[in-house]
Protein backbone atom coordinates (compact mmCIF):
# COMPACT_ATOMS: atom_id res chain seq x y z
CA MET A 1 257.14 113.40 151.29
CA GLN A 2 259.30 113.33 154.41
CA ARG A 3 258.13 113.73 157.86
CA SER A 4 258.67 114.48 160.79
CA MET A 5 257.99 113.74 164.08
CA THR A 6 259.68 116.56 165.97
CA ARG A 7 258.59 119.66 164.23
CA ILE A 8 256.28 120.96 161.95
CA ARG A 9 257.39 120.78 158.06
CA THR A 10 256.82 124.01 156.12
CA SER A 11 256.41 124.19 152.27
CA HIS A 12 253.51 126.16 150.30
CA VAL A 13 250.68 125.82 147.63
CA GLY A 14 253.30 126.56 144.27
CA ARG A 15 252.71 130.29 142.74
CA LEU A 16 255.52 132.64 143.64
CA PRO A 17 254.99 136.06 142.43
CA PRO A 18 257.69 136.84 139.47
CA PHE A 19 260.70 139.39 139.90
CA LYS A 20 260.22 142.44 138.72
CA GLY A 21 260.80 143.16 135.29
CA TRP A 22 260.21 139.49 134.85
CA GLU A 23 256.12 139.89 134.67
CA ASP A 24 255.77 138.36 131.12
CA VAL A 25 258.55 135.71 131.09
CA PRO A 26 256.15 133.02 133.15
CA GLY A 27 253.33 133.48 130.62
CA ARG A 28 256.12 133.13 127.97
CA LEU A 29 257.46 129.67 129.24
CA ALA A 30 253.77 128.36 130.33
CA SER A 31 252.94 129.06 126.28
CA ALA A 32 256.26 127.41 125.08
CA GLU A 33 256.86 130.71 123.31
CA ILE A 34 260.66 130.37 125.27
CA THR A 35 262.54 127.18 124.66
CA ASP A 36 265.43 127.92 123.93
CA SER A 37 268.15 126.31 125.98
CA ALA A 38 270.53 128.91 125.76
CA PHE A 39 267.89 131.62 127.12
CA ILE A 40 266.37 129.20 129.83
CA ALA A 41 270.11 128.62 131.12
CA SER A 42 271.23 132.48 131.07
CA GLN A 43 268.24 133.91 132.16
CA VAL A 44 265.44 131.76 133.70
CA THR A 45 267.58 129.16 135.52
CA PRO A 46 268.89 131.46 137.82
CA ALA A 47 266.11 133.52 138.61
CA ILE A 48 264.87 130.72 139.73
CA ALA A 49 267.90 130.01 141.83
CA GLU A 50 267.33 133.21 143.51
CA THR A 51 263.61 131.61 144.19
CA VAL A 52 264.78 128.60 145.58
CA ARG A 53 267.69 130.49 147.92
CA ARG A 54 265.15 132.79 149.29
CA GLN A 55 262.93 129.84 150.08
CA VAL A 56 265.58 128.04 151.92
CA GLU A 57 266.17 131.21 153.60
CA ALA A 58 262.92 131.73 154.89
CA GLY A 59 262.95 128.13 156.65
CA ILE A 60 260.65 126.10 153.93
CA ASP A 61 261.99 122.56 154.21
CA CYS A 62 259.74 121.25 150.70
CA ILE A 63 260.19 124.20 147.97
CA GLY A 64 258.87 124.79 144.92
CA ASP A 65 259.91 126.27 141.58
CA GLY A 66 257.47 129.46 141.99
CA GLU A 67 255.29 127.49 139.09
CA PHE A 68 255.96 129.80 136.54
CA TRP A 69 255.35 127.49 133.61
CA THR A 70 251.71 126.58 134.36
CA ALA A 71 248.91 129.13 132.86
CA ARG A 72 245.40 129.47 131.75
CA SER A 73 245.56 129.42 127.49
CA LEU A 74 245.08 127.49 124.30
CA ALA A 75 249.11 128.27 124.27
CA HIS A 76 249.85 126.31 127.09
CA TYR A 77 247.17 123.45 126.78
CA THR A 78 248.53 122.99 122.74
CA ALA A 79 251.88 123.02 124.30
CA HIS A 80 251.48 119.71 126.28
CA PHE A 81 248.67 118.10 124.76
CA THR A 82 247.02 117.10 120.94
CA GLY A 83 242.70 117.67 120.42
CA ILE A 84 242.98 120.55 122.04
CA GLU A 85 241.53 124.24 119.64
CA ALA A 86 239.56 127.32 120.25
CA ARG A 87 236.84 129.32 118.73
CA PRO A 88 235.08 132.25 119.55
CA VAL A 89 232.54 132.63 122.51
CA ALA A 90 228.99 132.19 121.84
CA PRO A 91 226.47 135.03 122.99
CA GLY A 92 225.51 134.04 126.15
CA GLU A 93 228.36 131.37 126.60
CA PRO A 94 230.83 131.52 129.14
CA PRO A 95 234.08 131.16 128.34
CA THR A 96 235.17 129.57 131.27
CA SER A 97 233.06 127.32 133.62
CA ARG A 98 234.44 130.25 136.46
CA HIS A 99 232.33 132.99 134.66
CA SER A 100 229.38 131.32 135.69
CA THR A 101 228.30 130.69 139.29
CA ARG A 102 226.23 131.06 140.98
CA GLU A 103 227.60 133.17 143.47
CA ARG A 104 228.05 135.74 140.87
CA ASP A 105 224.49 135.81 140.07
CA GLU A 106 223.90 136.79 143.47
CA PHE A 107 226.52 139.26 144.25
CA SER A 108 226.39 140.25 140.08
CA ASP A 109 227.02 144.20 140.61
CA PHE A 110 230.51 143.42 142.34
CA TYR A 111 231.69 140.64 139.45
CA ALA A 112 230.73 143.18 137.61
CA ASP A 113 233.28 145.81 138.96
CA MET A 114 235.61 143.11 138.94
CA ASP A 115 235.38 142.49 135.40
CA ARG A 116 235.83 145.85 134.53
CA ALA A 117 238.47 146.40 136.24
CA GLY A 118 239.96 143.34 134.58
CA THR A 119 241.31 141.97 138.15
CA LEU A 120 240.44 139.27 140.16
CA PHE A 121 242.21 140.48 143.43
CA LEU A 122 241.78 144.92 143.37
CA VAL A 123 245.02 145.72 144.40
CA PRO A 124 247.29 148.61 143.64
CA GLY A 125 249.53 147.51 140.67
CA GLU A 126 247.27 144.39 139.49
CA LYS A 127 247.98 144.41 135.65
CA PRO A 128 244.48 144.20 134.65
CA MET A 129 243.74 140.70 132.19
CA PRO A 130 241.79 141.33 128.51
CA PRO A 131 238.12 139.81 128.56
CA VAL A 132 238.10 136.61 127.47
CA THR A 133 236.45 136.37 123.74
CA ALA A 134 237.41 132.47 123.49
CA ARG A 135 236.28 129.40 124.48
CA VAL A 136 238.86 126.52 124.29
CA VAL A 137 237.71 123.19 123.22
CA ALA A 138 238.50 119.34 122.47
CA ARG A 139 237.48 118.79 119.01
CA GLY A 140 239.72 115.57 118.92
CA PRO A 141 241.83 112.83 121.08
CA VAL A 142 242.95 114.38 123.85
CA ARG A 143 246.55 112.94 124.37
CA SER A 144 249.94 114.11 125.22
CA LYS A 145 252.84 114.95 123.26
CA GLY A 146 255.32 113.76 125.86
CA PRO A 147 257.21 114.88 128.30
CA GLY A 148 258.89 117.69 126.52
CA ALA A 149 257.28 120.57 127.96
CA ILE A 150 257.28 119.30 131.50
CA ASN A 151 261.09 118.51 131.34
CA ARG A 152 262.24 121.61 130.32
CA GLN A 153 260.39 123.03 133.88
CA LEU A 154 262.12 120.06 135.72
CA ASP A 155 265.52 120.04 134.11
CA THR A 156 265.41 123.69 134.61
CA PHE A 157 264.48 123.61 139.02
CA LYS A 158 267.26 120.99 139.06
CA ALA A 159 269.94 123.04 137.51
CA ALA A 160 268.66 125.87 139.34
CA ILE A 161 268.75 124.07 143.08
CA GLU A 162 272.23 123.52 141.78
CA ARG A 163 273.24 126.47 141.03
CA SER A 164 271.61 128.39 143.90
CA ASP A 165 273.96 125.73 146.51
CA ALA A 166 271.09 126.19 149.01
CA LYS A 167 270.85 123.34 151.14
CA VAL A 168 267.73 121.65 149.37
CA GLU A 169 265.90 119.19 151.55
CA GLU A 170 263.15 117.94 149.32
CA ALA A 171 261.21 119.69 146.45
CA PHE A 172 257.80 119.85 144.72
CA VAL A 173 256.22 120.17 141.49
CA ALA A 174 252.39 121.08 140.74
CA VAL A 175 250.71 119.65 138.18
CA LEU A 176 246.94 119.78 137.46
CA ALA A 177 244.41 117.41 137.80
CA PRO A 178 241.53 116.36 134.95
CA GLY A 179 239.08 118.12 137.43
CA TRP A 180 240.77 121.18 137.32
CA LEU A 181 241.26 121.45 133.69
CA ASP A 182 237.91 120.78 132.54
CA HIS A 183 237.02 124.20 134.14
CA PHE A 184 238.82 125.97 131.20
CA ILE A 185 239.13 122.89 128.30
CA PHE A 186 235.35 122.10 126.98
CA ASN A 187 234.54 118.69 125.62
CA GLU A 188 233.54 119.27 122.26
CA TYR A 189 234.35 115.09 121.24
CA TYR A 190 233.84 112.63 123.56
CA LYS A 191 230.43 111.25 123.76
CA THR A 192 230.47 110.79 127.41
CA GLU A 193 231.73 113.45 130.87
CA GLU A 194 233.96 110.20 131.65
CA GLU A 195 235.61 109.92 128.44
CA PHE A 196 236.98 112.82 128.53
CA LEU A 197 237.65 113.57 132.00
CA PHE A 198 240.11 109.93 131.68
CA ALA A 199 241.19 110.93 128.18
CA LEU A 200 242.62 113.98 129.91
CA ALA A 201 243.97 111.69 133.46
CA ASP A 202 245.87 110.07 130.58
CA ALA A 203 246.90 112.70 129.22
CA LEU A 204 248.27 114.12 132.22
CA HIS A 205 249.85 110.22 132.94
CA GLU A 206 253.21 111.23 131.53
CA GLU A 207 253.79 114.28 133.38
CA TYR A 208 253.33 112.90 136.64
CA ARG A 209 255.64 110.68 135.87
CA ALA A 210 257.91 112.58 134.79
CA VAL A 211 257.91 114.44 137.75
CA VAL A 212 258.63 111.77 140.14
CA ALA A 213 260.87 110.04 137.93
CA ALA A 214 263.20 113.29 138.31
CA GLY A 215 263.15 112.93 141.63
CA PHE A 216 260.40 115.44 142.78
CA ILE A 217 257.70 115.24 144.79
CA LEU A 218 254.00 115.47 142.67
CA GLN A 219 251.44 117.82 143.62
CA ILE A 220 248.11 117.76 142.29
CA ASP A 221 246.54 120.52 142.01
CA ASP A 222 242.92 120.36 142.44
CA PRO A 223 240.53 123.57 143.08
CA GLY A 224 238.03 122.09 141.15
CA LEU A 225 236.94 119.22 143.63
CA PRO A 226 235.40 122.23 145.73
CA ASP A 227 234.51 124.94 143.54
CA TRP A 228 233.13 122.94 140.92
CA TRP A 229 229.93 123.02 143.60
CA ASP A 230 229.22 127.01 142.47
CA MET A 231 229.36 126.42 138.81
CA LEU A 232 226.36 123.36 138.35
CA LYS A 233 223.09 125.48 138.07
CA PRO A 234 220.72 124.28 139.57
CA GLU A 235 222.45 124.09 142.47
CA PRO A 236 222.59 120.06 142.94
CA THR A 237 221.65 117.94 145.99
CA ILE A 238 224.91 116.62 148.30
CA GLU A 239 225.08 113.60 147.36
CA ALA A 240 225.11 114.57 143.66
CA TYR A 241 227.52 116.94 143.78
CA ARG A 242 229.27 113.40 145.77
CA LYS A 243 228.70 111.74 142.92
CA PHE A 244 230.40 114.58 140.59
CA ALA A 245 233.39 114.70 142.74
CA ARG A 246 233.33 111.13 142.62
CA LEU A 247 234.17 111.02 139.10
CA ARG A 248 237.13 113.64 139.32
CA ILE A 249 238.50 111.32 141.95
CA ASP A 250 238.19 108.52 139.87
CA ALA A 251 240.84 110.45 137.00
CA VAL A 252 242.93 111.52 139.37
CA ASN A 253 243.19 107.76 140.48
CA ARG A 254 243.91 106.73 136.81
CA ALA A 255 246.44 109.72 136.29
CA LEU A 256 248.27 108.06 139.08
CA VAL A 257 248.63 104.66 138.59
CA GLY A 258 252.03 102.99 139.27
CA ILE A 259 253.01 105.73 141.06
CA SER A 260 253.46 105.56 144.73
CA GLU A 261 251.47 107.67 147.30
CA GLU A 262 254.41 108.44 149.44
CA ARG A 263 255.96 110.77 146.17
CA VAL A 264 252.53 112.43 145.77
CA ARG A 265 250.95 115.24 147.94
CA TYR A 266 247.53 117.15 146.96
CA HIS A 267 246.18 121.06 147.05
CA LEU A 268 242.75 122.26 147.16
CA CYS A 269 241.42 124.95 147.66
CA TRP A 270 238.16 127.13 147.18
CA GLY A 271 239.73 130.02 145.29
CA SER A 272 242.06 132.82 145.84
CA TRP A 273 240.18 135.30 144.19
CA HIS A 274 238.93 138.63 146.15
CA GLY A 275 235.59 137.87 146.49
CA PRO A 276 231.97 136.94 148.98
CA HIS A 277 233.35 133.58 149.26
CA THR A 278 229.33 132.93 150.40
CA HIS A 279 228.51 129.96 148.24
CA ASP A 280 231.67 127.48 149.29
CA LEU A 281 231.08 123.94 149.94
CA PRO A 282 231.87 123.09 153.32
CA LEU A 283 234.48 120.60 153.90
CA GLU A 284 232.74 118.24 155.84
CA HIS A 285 230.95 117.36 152.46
CA ILE A 286 234.08 116.52 150.87
CA ILE A 287 236.89 115.23 153.26
CA ASP A 288 236.11 111.70 153.26
CA LEU A 289 236.31 111.59 149.46
CA ILE A 290 240.35 113.09 149.65
């Protein structure tokens, strides 16, 4: 990544709001419902070019493509990996690890209201999300389907930068970390947690390399590193959680083998939903691991 000794360089974490009337397009891109090159060239590239222009005009030094190609859905995962399928949620079973937290237990009335509203942010105009009734699971070897899906995104971003006529100093592309994917994909195939995480890492490795080979900075999106803390019941000791976190960092490093450190940046957070956040793990307990 570019560095500066004279001023603070600016960027953002990746996700940008879609354009008015374009609300359903990110989900269709992420699920590989939209793959037609003519449609992407005529509709998607110009929209992302406008996103590029707006970022540069706002003074953003390291820009992104809006992260319109990522979703938490079976269709997204199966566009990228083999071995993934869905099954109905069993009684008393959460559809994702985010649906079962100690904070949700403590603030049950608040989260019941949030679930009824179908929202994460409780803001006017937010489109309600339907209840999740299926659990995404690994039922076979998880492997990359090749860089086809990520290359559509990368090629479109390059075309959008060229079309924008903006002076782009640096650009990044966000890709999920293994320890974030296992919030939403449950292991029903591998014998151990380590085998599962390392399989996810190997499947992601090809996409990480594709981002760097295309000339972009690779952003690893890993909110799971701190936010798994509240999803483990009963509450673990700090040392037990550090062991849990180390395994996920090992998986990230496995996926990054052969990629220069200077081409990577790392994003984590404690979640952007509008909730109490009283159970967030203090940074001091994991900063050295990061």
